[in-house]
Amino acid sequence: MIEDPRIHNIVRNLSSIRNVYAVVSSKGGVGKSTVSTLLALHASRRFETGLLDIDFTNPSTHILLNLNPGELKYEEEKGILPYDLKGLKYFSIVAYTMDKPLPLRGEAARSVLRELLAIVKWGRLKLLFIDTPPGMSDEHLDLVYLLRDIVKPMVVSTPSILSVKSAARLVSVLKEAGFKWIGFIENMGNGSLRGNEVLRDVEYLGYIPYTPRVESCLGSRMVEACIDPGLLDSILSRLIEA
């Protein structure tokens, strides 16, 4: 089998980044994109940080960041340079789709993902958060099997027993794929999942509480100010040490 020549570029692009985290969830509606955006924004105040949205069908990080797709102008320099949002490096395909869904499947989804990972030039970042679609899509599987030596998975779940059970299944898939480190964030909770037997094989990174005012902050470029910064700092410190 002939190896995809883009893989070399992907590995080269991502190897210069100290920590690459794929933010994943087994179910929709657990706040994965919100968690990705909050952590990326907060981290960018202190570190060189990037946020990549690879949910081609239903991207939402640009909405959380209050970015109109028309605003996203990417410069080209031996590849595509991510948009600079006050220090946060950001890339989403919505700049090309103009917020219309891109219902890719199978080989098409895999090819688009590889193309983006190969041509977007992040430079030397300390942290890159990759917001993924829910479930185990073709995009996930490509990340899992192609980049397991570079990417670290971070599972997001609510305290709901259905969400936790589903997250545990996702953790099993990731462990079978060879990941030695898997992070876990409890969203819209109070820390009750810390030490949960179902999640004994993951590193509990912390929790983000349910905060009614977060909804009113969505779409604000200071959205992370709606969450206790100490909680976000605690999660980030564990990520950097991972």
Foldseek 3Di string as FASTA:
>chain_A
DDDDPLLVLLCVQLVLAQAEEEEAFQDPDLCSLVVQLLLQLLVQVPWQEEEEELQQFQDCNCQQQLHQLCVFDWDDDQATEADQDPRYGYDDCCVPVRRHHDPDADPVSVVVLSNNSNRYHSHRTHYYYYYYDYRCGPSNVCCLQSPLVRYEYEYEFEPDPVRLLSSLVVVVVSVVSPRQAYHYEHEQDDCPCVVPPSPPSYHYLAYWHDDVCLVVSRSPNVSSVSTDVVRSVSSVVVSSVD
